Amino acid sequence: MLFNSLQFLIFFPIVVTLFFLLPQKRRWVLLLIASYYFYMCWKVEYIVLIITSTLIDYFVAQKMAALKEKVKRKKWLLISLFSNLGILFGFKYFNFVNANVQTIFDQFNVFYGVPAFDVLLPVGISFYTFQTLSYTIDVYNGKTPVQNHLGIFAVYVSFFPQLVAGPIERSNHLLPQFFVEHKFSYDRVKYGLQQMMWGFFKKVVIADRLAIVVDAVYNNPSNYSGLALIVATVFFTFQIYCDFSGYSDIAIGSARVMGFELMENFKRPYFSKSISEFWKRWHISLSTWFRDYLYIPLGGNKVVKWKWYYNLFITFLVSGFWHGANWTFIVWGALHGTYLISSIILSKPKEKILKVLKLKNTTIHKLYQVSFTFALAVFAWIFFRANNISDAFY
């Protein structure tokens, strides 16, 4: 089910009406049924995947909570990581890896007969996998209490407003909200609906209209050159922002109508004055997820300089791969990692130049920072949108 579909426009008012008519202790049942129905509208059979992840992480967390020593909890965490990431790899990345292995074997004339996995990619699998993994990792680290209510935990994993495209919520923020009685509030409902309408406007009116031009050019790039390619790339820059942030606004607004508060996911990222700032404003729930569960565990910046650069680069490389099983996404992530490392290396020379020219924090300097950061982001989007690497280089 898409947010911008007639089906959702019928589904959502019915769910909201029933939600406020039901007593608090029964609302989780409605939300679970609604969320599973919302998910099954894509492909009924795939409900097994989200239920499997839910059950595994629920029982793994129970086991970890019963153990005082962190070392003993590790094997249960590994079960969660391997099972969830295994499902994600199988459905999203197996064919990509398999095809590349096939290419390597072909170079050496070695027979490789592993067939492709002929399945559709489950919608939202990257989002709910990361959401449930954050819970088990936090339980392992003692940062969040274990959730004993299986039904409410299942709602947390599958909560329909943010199931398909985020924000990726943390358990200590969203889970407690399911135990609070949310009474009907005219002002809150009005504000939530306004945010949903703004999201629909960004998605349907802006993103979907820009997509017509972008798709025409990027699906046949050799038919175009010069200005047309530049215009299509700039259009995509705004298309992807309005698409992602539009979905986030609809998710946040629809949750707010029922009384739930989801985290802000975009904060005017194209006004950023550096790549570092860009990633504090763009897809915030994802960037903070990678920061907390990959970058910091690798050592963050609390290591020798070369290792710090390595940690940054690996984090962005994995972030790129998370977005899709294609070399274009990997290059996109590598570019942003390179941008950030370069900005750190060049920070002192830049300071000296700005001091000599007396430009630091002037209007000209700020305008240059925003413009240059925007240009770097636009250039990287070429690889994100291109159908393959050769198209991107063209």
Protein backbone atom coordinates (compact mmCIF):
# COMPACT_ATOMS: atom_id res chain seq x y z
CA MET A 1 0.00 0.00 0.00
CA LEU A 2 1.39 3.40 -1.00
CA PHE A 3 0.74 6.53 1.04
CA ASN A 4 -0.30 8.31 -2.15
CA SER A 5 -2.97 5.77 -3.05
CA LEU A 6 -6.76 5.70 -2.81
CA GLN A 7 -6.42 2.57 -0.67
CA PHE A 8 -4.48 4.49 2.01
CA LEU A 9 -6.96 7.38 1.93
CA ILE A 10 -9.66 4.87 2.90
CA PHE A 11 -7.48 2.80 5.25
CA PHE A 12 -6.09 5.64 7.38
CA PRO A 13 -9.36 7.34 8.51
CA ILE A 14 -10.83 3.94 9.42
CA VAL A 15 -7.78 3.05 11.55
CA VAL A 16 -7.74 6.47 13.27
CA THR A 17 -11.47 6.33 14.03
CA LEU A 18 -11.24 2.82 15.52
CA PHE A 19 -8.09 3.80 17.41
CA PHE A 20 -9.85 6.54 19.37
CA LEU A 21 -13.00 4.46 19.90
CA LEU A 22 -11.13 1.54 21.43
CA PRO A 23 -9.93 1.49 25.05
CA GLN A 24 -6.18 1.96 25.55
CA LYS A 25 -5.47 -1.68 26.42
CA ARG A 26 -6.92 -2.87 23.07
CA ARG A 27 -5.32 -0.30 20.78
CA TRP A 28 -2.14 -2.28 20.25
CA VAL A 29 -4.24 -5.09 18.72
CA LEU A 30 -5.74 -2.67 16.19
CA LEU A 31 -2.33 -1.19 15.34
CA LEU A 32 -0.81 -4.65 14.86
CA ILE A 33 -3.64 -5.83 12.60
CA ALA A 34 -3.55 -2.53 10.65
CA SER A 35 0.25 -2.66 10.29
CA TYR A 36 0.26 -6.27 9.11
CA TYR A 37 -2.56 -5.55 6.66
CA PHE A 38 -0.66 -2.47 5.41
CA TYR A 39 2.42 -4.64 4.83
CA MET A 40 0.56 -7.57 3.26
CA CYS A 41 -0.93 -5.27 0.63
CA TRP A 42 2.47 -5.51 -1.09
CA LYS A 43 2.83 -9.29 -0.99
CA VAL A 44 0.93 -11.45 1.50
CA GLU A 45 3.60 -14.15 1.86
CA TYR A 46 6.26 -11.69 3.02
CA ILE A 47 4.46 -11.16 6.31
CA VAL A 48 6.33 -14.31 7.37
CA LEU A 49 9.61 -12.37 7.17
CA ILE A 50 8.61 -9.55 9.48
CA ILE A 51 6.99 -11.98 11.94
CA THR A 52 10.17 -14.11 11.91
CA SER A 53 12.38 -11.10 12.68
CA THR A 54 9.98 -10.02 15.42
CA LEU A 55 9.89 -13.42 17.14
CA ILE A 56 13.65 -13.96 16.93
CA ASP A 57 14.50 -10.56 18.41
CA TYR A 58 11.81 -10.78 21.07
CA PHE A 59 13.11 -14.10 22.41
CA VAL A 60 16.77 -13.16 21.93
CA ALA A 61 16.20 -10.02 24.01
CA GLN A 62 14.48 -12.10 26.70
CA LYS A 63 17.51 -14.39 26.87
CA MET A 64 19.94 -11.48 27.05
CA ALA A 65 17.96 -9.75 29.78
CA ALA A 66 18.22 -12.88 31.93
CA LEU A 67 22.03 -12.79 31.78
CA LYS A 68 23.96 -10.32 33.91
CA GLU A 69 27.33 -10.79 32.22
CA LYS A 70 27.66 -9.04 28.90
CA VAL A 71 30.01 -11.72 27.56
CA LYS A 72 27.31 -14.37 27.94
CA ARG A 73 24.78 -12.18 26.12
CA LYS A 74 26.99 -11.98 23.05
CA LYS A 75 25.95 -15.31 21.51
CA TRP A 76 22.31 -14.23 21.63
CA LEU A 77 23.13 -10.92 19.99
CA LEU A 78 24.97 -12.80 17.25
CA ILE A 79 21.85 -14.90 16.64
CA SER A 80 19.88 -11.69 16.13
CA LEU A 81 22.52 -10.18 13.84
CA PHE A 82 23.04 -13.26 11.70
CA SER A 83 19.34 -14.09 11.33
CA ASN A 84 18.17 -10.55 10.51
CA LEU A 85 21.11 -9.62 8.31
CA GLY A 86 20.92 -13.07 6.72
CA ILE A 87 17.31 -12.49 5.67
CA LEU A 88 18.21 -8.99 4.44
CA PHE A 89 21.19 -10.34 2.48
CA GLY A 90 19.20 -13.18 0.95
CA PHE A 91 16.42 -11.00 -0.40
CA LYS A 92 18.29 -7.79 -1.18
CA TYR A 93 21.94 -8.57 -1.88
CA PHE A 94 22.32 -12.24 -2.84
CA ASN A 95 21.69 -11.72 -6.57
CA PHE A 96 24.11 -8.76 -6.68
CA VAL A 97 26.91 -10.73 -4.99
CA ASN A 98 26.11 -13.84 -6.99
CA ALA A 99 26.27 -11.95 -10.31
CA ASN A 100 29.65 -10.41 -9.41
CA VAL A 101 31.06 -13.80 -8.36
CA GLN A 102 29.80 -15.18 -11.68
CA THR A 103 31.65 -12.41 -13.53
CA ILE A 104 34.90 -13.19 -11.70
CA PHE A 105 34.64 -16.91 -12.43
CA ASP A 106 33.88 -16.18 -16.08
CA GLN A 107 37.15 -14.24 -16.35
CA PHE A 108 39.00 -17.46 -15.51
CA ASN A 109 36.71 -19.71 -17.57
CA VAL A 110 35.57 -21.51 -14.42
CA PHE A 111 32.07 -22.94 -14.32
CA TYR A 112 29.84 -21.32 -11.69
CA GLY A 113 26.33 -22.70 -11.69
CA VAL A 114 24.66 -20.96 -8.73
CA PRO A 115 21.29 -19.65 -10.01
CA ALA A 116 19.84 -16.25 -9.19
CA PHE A 117 17.26 -15.91 -6.42
CA ASP A 118 14.06 -15.15 -8.33
CA VAL A 119 12.07 -13.15 -5.78
CA LEU A 120 10.73 -9.63 -5.35
CA LEU A 121 12.47 -7.39 -2.84
CA PRO A 122 10.28 -7.18 0.31
CA VAL A 123 9.17 -3.60 0.79
CA GLY A 124 10.64 -1.86 3.83
CA ILE A 125 12.91 -4.77 4.77
CA SER A 126 15.95 -2.49 5.22
CA PHE A 127 13.99 -0.21 7.54
CA TYR A 128 12.33 -2.70 9.86
CA THR A 129 15.49 -4.85 9.97
CA PHE A 130 17.52 -1.90 11.27
CA GLN A 131 14.75 -0.89 13.65
CA THR A 132 14.52 -4.29 15.32
CA LEU A 133 18.32 -4.70 15.33
CA SER A 134 18.71 -1.41 17.20
CA TYR A 135 16.49 -2.89 19.92
CA THR A 136 18.53 -6.08 20.40
CA ILE A 137 21.82 -4.16 20.31
CA ASP A 138 20.52 -1.69 22.90
CA VAL A 139 19.30 -4.54 25.14
CA TYR A 140 22.73 -6.17 24.79
CA ASN A 141 24.44 -2.92 25.81
CA GLY A 142 21.99 -2.30 28.64
CA LYS A 143 20.73 0.93 27.07
CA THR A 144 17.08 -0.09 26.91
CA PRO A 145 14.93 -2.39 29.08
CA VAL A 146 13.65 -5.62 27.61
CA GLN A 147 10.07 -5.54 26.33
CA ASN A 148 7.98 -8.37 27.79
CA HIS A 149 4.80 -7.63 25.85
CA LEU A 150 5.21 -9.56 22.59
CA GLY A 151 2.23 -7.87 20.93
CA ILE A 152 3.45 -4.33 21.60
CA PHE A 153 6.97 -5.27 20.53
CA ALA A 154 5.47 -6.58 17.26
CA VAL A 155 3.71 -3.22 16.81
CA TYR A 156 7.05 -1.42 17.37
CA VAL A 157 8.69 -3.46 14.60
CA SER A 158 5.81 -3.11 12.12
CA PHE A 159 4.20 0.27 13.01
CA PHE A 160 2.60 1.15 9.67
CA PRO A 161 3.28 4.93 9.45
CA GLN A 162 7.06 4.41 9.32
CA LEU A 163 7.26 0.79 8.19
CA VAL A 164 8.11 1.35 4.53
CA ALA A 165 10.39 4.40 4.51
CA GLY A 166 11.21 5.36 8.09
CA PRO A 167 12.10 7.22 10.18
CA ILE A 168 14.00 4.33 11.77
CA GLU A 169 12.88 4.67 15.38
CA ARG A 170 14.78 3.60 18.50
CA SER A 171 13.01 1.37 20.98
CA ASN A 172 13.55 3.68 23.97
CA HIS A 173 11.74 6.45 22.08
CA LEU A 174 8.84 4.66 20.37
CA LEU A 175 8.08 1.60 22.53
CA PRO A 176 7.04 3.54 25.68
CA GLN A 177 4.53 5.53 23.61
CA PHE A 178 2.42 2.41 23.02
CA PHE A 179 1.74 2.22 26.77
CA VAL A 180 0.48 5.81 27.01
CA GLU A 181 -3.18 6.62 26.44
CA HIS A 182 -3.40 9.09 23.57
CA LYS A 183 -6.61 11.06 23.82
CA PHE A 184 -8.14 12.83 20.86
CA SER A 185 -6.74 16.34 20.43
CA TYR A 186 -8.13 18.64 17.74
CA ASP A 187 -4.96 20.73 17.57
CA ARG A 188 -2.68 17.69 17.37
CA VAL A 189 -4.84 16.06 14.68
CA LYS A 190 -4.94 19.30 12.69
CA TYR A 191 -1.16 19.71 12.90
CA GLY A 192 -0.63 16.05 11.95
CA LEU A 193 -2.93 16.33 8.93
CA GLN A 194 -1.20 19.54 7.84
CA GLN A 195 2.16 17.78 7.96
CA MET A 196 0.72 14.88 5.97
CA MET A 197 -0.64 17.29 3.35
CA TRP A 198 2.77 18.96 3.08
CA GLY A 199 4.30 15.52 2.61
CA PHE A 200 1.77 14.63 -0.09
CA PHE A 201 2.51 17.93 -1.84
CA LYS A 202 6.26 17.26 -1.85
CA LYS A 203 5.80 13.67 -3.03
CA VAL A 204 2.97 13.95 -5.57
CA VAL A 205 3.24 17.51 -6.86
CA ILE A 206 7.02 18.03 -6.82
CA ALA A 207 8.87 14.68 -6.72
CA ASP A 208 6.60 12.77 -9.09
CA ARG A 209 6.56 15.64 -11.61
CA LEU A 210 10.35 16.04 -11.55
CA ALA A 211 10.67 12.27 -11.97
CA ILE A 212 9.16 12.51 -15.47
CA VAL A 213 12.11 14.59 -16.72
CA VAL A 214 14.70 12.72 -14.64
CA ASP A 215 13.58 9.28 -15.81
CA ALA A 216 13.49 10.37 -19.46
CA VAL A 217 17.13 11.52 -19.31
CA TYR A 218 18.64 8.95 -16.93
CA ASN A 219 17.00 5.96 -18.63
CA ASN A 220 18.48 7.04 -21.98
CA PRO A 221 21.53 9.15 -21.09
CA SER A 222 23.33 8.68 -24.42
CA ASN A 223 20.51 10.62 -26.11
CA TYR A 224 21.44 13.72 -24.13
CA SER A 225 24.45 15.87 -23.33
CA GLY A 226 25.48 19.09 -21.65
CA LEU A 227 22.69 21.17 -20.20
CA ALA A 228 20.05 18.43 -20.34
CA LEU A 229 22.16 16.13 -18.16
CA ILE A 230 22.87 18.93 -15.69
CA VAL A 231 19.20 19.94 -15.46
CA ALA A 232 18.11 16.31 -14.98
CA THR A 233 20.68 15.85 -12.19
CA VAL A 234 19.62 19.02 -10.39
CA PHE A 235 15.99 17.97 -10.81
CA PHE A 236 16.82 14.60 -9.27
CA THR A 237 18.50 16.38 -6.36
CA PHE A 238 15.16 17.95 -5.47
CA GLN A 239 13.15 14.90 -6.51
CA ILE A 240 14.90 12.60 -4.05
CA TYR A 241 14.66 15.16 -1.26
CA CYS A 242 10.93 15.72 -1.82
CA ASP A 243 10.39 11.98 -2.20
CA PHE A 244 12.23 10.91 0.99
CA SER A 245 11.25 13.87 3.14
CA GLY A 246 7.70 13.76 1.77
CA TYR A 247 7.31 10.16 2.91
CA SER A 248 8.81 11.10 6.28
CA ASP A 249 6.37 13.99 6.67
CA ILE A 250 3.42 11.70 5.89
CA ALA A 251 4.74 9.13 8.37
CA ILE A 252 5.36 11.67 11.14
CA GLY A 253 2.04 13.40 10.48
CA SER A 254 -0.05 10.21 10.42
CA ALA A 255 1.59 9.00 13.64
CA ARG A 256 0.98 12.40 15.25
CA VAL A 257 -2.74 12.24 14.40
CA MET A 258 -2.93 9.21 16.72
CA GLY A 259 -0.71 10.83 19.35
CA PHE A 260 2.66 9.24 18.54
CA GLU A 261 5.78 11.35 18.07
CA LEU A 262 8.34 10.15 15.52
CA MET A 263 11.77 11.73 15.16
CA GLU A 264 12.43 14.49 12.63
CA ASN A 265 14.21 13.00 9.63
CA PHE A 266 15.18 15.99 7.44
CA LYS A 267 16.26 19.50 8.39
CA ARG A 268 16.73 21.52 5.20
CA PRO A 269 19.87 19.56 4.20
CA TYR A 270 20.64 21.59 1.06
CA PHE A 271 21.39 24.61 3.24
CA SER A 272 24.26 22.75 4.91
CA LYS A 273 27.65 24.50 4.97
CA SER A 274 29.66 21.25 4.97
CA ILE A 275 29.26 17.56 4.17
CA SER A 276 29.43 16.81 7.89
CA GLU A 277 26.51 19.16 8.48
CA PHE A 278 24.67 17.67 5.50
CA TRP A 279 24.65 14.27 7.20
CA LYS A 280 23.29 15.81 10.39
CA ARG A 281 20.34 17.11 8.37
CA TRP A 282 19.76 14.35 5.77
CA HIS A 283 17.90 11.13 6.64
CA ILE A 284 18.79 11.75 10.30
CA SER A 285 17.37 8.48 11.62
CA LEU A 286 19.61 6.49 9.24
CA SER A 287 22.78 8.56 9.66
CA THR A 288 22.50 8.40 13.46
CA TRP A 289 21.84 4.64 13.22
CA PHE A 290 25.10 4.12 11.35
CA ARG A 291 26.88 6.45 13.75
CA ASP A 292 25.70 4.61 16.86
CA TYR A 293 25.78 1.01 15.63
CA LEU A 294 28.69 0.96 13.18
CA TYR A 295 30.93 4.04 13.33
CA ILE A 296 31.26 4.24 17.13
CA PRO A 297 31.68 0.45 17.63
CA LEU A 298 34.50 0.59 15.05
CA GLY A 299 36.21 3.15 17.27
CA GLY A 300 34.81 6.40 15.88
CA ASN A 301 37.34 9.21 16.16
CA LYS A 302 38.82 7.84 19.41
CA VAL A 303 41.58 6.07 17.48
CA VAL A 304 44.73 6.94 15.52
CA LYS A 305 44.07 9.21 12.56
CA TRP A 306 44.35 6.61 9.79
CA LYS A 307 41.91 4.35 11.64
CA TRP A 308 39.53 7.28 12.07
CA TYR A 309 39.54 7.84 8.31
CA TYR A 310 39.03 4.12 7.77
CA ASN A 311 36.05 4.10 10.17
CA LEU A 312 34.45 7.02 8.34
CA PHE A 313 35.00 5.51 4.91
CA ILE A 314 33.67 2.06 5.88
CA THR A 315 30.59 3.62 7.49
CA PHE A 316 29.72 5.56 4.34
CA LEU A 317 30.52 2.60 2.10
CA VAL A 318 28.10 0.41 4.06
CA SER A 319 25.56 3.23 4.08
CA GLY A 320 25.72 3.36 0.29
CA PHE A 321 25.27 -0.42 0.03
CA TRP A 322 22.30 -0.24 2.42
CA HIS A 323 20.48 1.93 -0.13
CA GLY A 324 20.64 -0.66 -2.89
CA ALA A 325 22.41 -3.69 -4.37
CA ASN A 326 24.27 -1.88 -7.14
CA TRP A 327 27.80 -0.55 -7.59
CA THR A 328 26.31 2.90 -8.15
CA PHE A 329 25.18 3.07 -4.52
CA ILE A 330 28.56 1.85 -3.30
CA VAL A 331 30.33 4.58 -5.30
CA TRP A 332 27.85 7.14 -3.94
CA GLY A 333 28.69 6.10 -0.38
CA ALA A 334 32.43 6.07 -1.15
CA LEU A 335 32.18 9.59 -2.57
CA HIS A 336 30.58 10.94 0.60
CA GLY A 337 33.19 9.16 2.69
CA THR A 338 35.92 10.74 0.56
CA TYR A 339 34.27 14.15 0.85
CA LEU A 340 34.21 13.95 4.64
CA ILE A 341 37.78 12.67 5.01
CA SER A 342 39.03 15.36 2.61
CA SER A 343 37.27 18.08 4.58
CA ILE A 344 39.02 16.90 7.76
CA ILE A 345 42.46 16.76 6.09
CA LEU A 346 42.00 20.21 4.53
CA SER A 347 40.48 21.87 7.60
CA LYS A 348 43.71 23.52 8.82
CA PRO A 349 44.84 24.85 5.41
CA LYS A 350 41.33 26.23 4.88
CA GLU A 351 41.45 27.99 8.24
CA LYS A 352 44.77 29.64 7.35
CA ILE A 353 43.50 30.84 3.97
CA LEU A 354 40.30 32.24 5.47
CA LYS A 355 42.30 34.01 8.18
CA VAL A 356 44.61 35.64 5.65
CA LEU A 357 41.71 36.69 3.42
CA LYS A 358 39.59 37.71 6.42
CA LEU A 359 36.59 35.89 5.01
CA LYS A 360 35.66 33.54 7.83
CA ASN A 361 31.97 33.70 8.79
CA THR A 362 31.30 36.46 6.28
CA THR A 363 28.23 36.32 4.05
CA ILE A 364 30.44 35.51 1.05
CA HIS A 365 32.09 32.66 2.95
CA LYS A 366 28.75 31.18 4.08
CA LEU A 367 27.30 31.45 0.57
CA TYR A 368 30.36 29.71 -0.84
CA GLN A 369 30.10 26.92 1.78
CA VAL A 370 26.44 26.24 1.02
CA SER A 371 26.98 26.39 -2.75
CA PHE A 372 30.04 24.13 -2.71
CA THR A 373 28.41 21.58 -0.39
CA PHE A 374 25.32 21.57 -2.60
CA ALA A 375 27.50 21.01 -5.70
CA LEU A 376 29.24 18.05 -4.04
CA ALA A 377 25.90 16.51 -3.09
CA VAL A 378 24.53 17.01 -6.63
CA PHE A 379 27.60 15.36 -8.17
CA ALA A 380 27.25 12.34 -5.88
CA TRP A 381 23.55 12.01 -6.77
CA ILE A 382 24.60 11.21 -10.35
CA PHE A 383 25.88 7.83 -9.14
CA PHE A 384 22.88 7.30 -6.88
CA ARG A 385 20.39 7.77 -9.74
CA ALA A 386 22.29 6.24 -12.67
CA ASN A 387 21.17 2.75 -13.69
CA ASN A 388 24.78 1.55 -13.82
CA ILE A 389 28.35 2.77 -13.47
CA SER A 390 28.92 3.34 -17.19
CA ASP A 391 25.82 5.58 -17.37
CA ALA A 392 27.06 7.51 -14.36
CA PHE A 393 30.48 8.14 -15.91
CA TYR A 394 28.86 9.15 -19.19
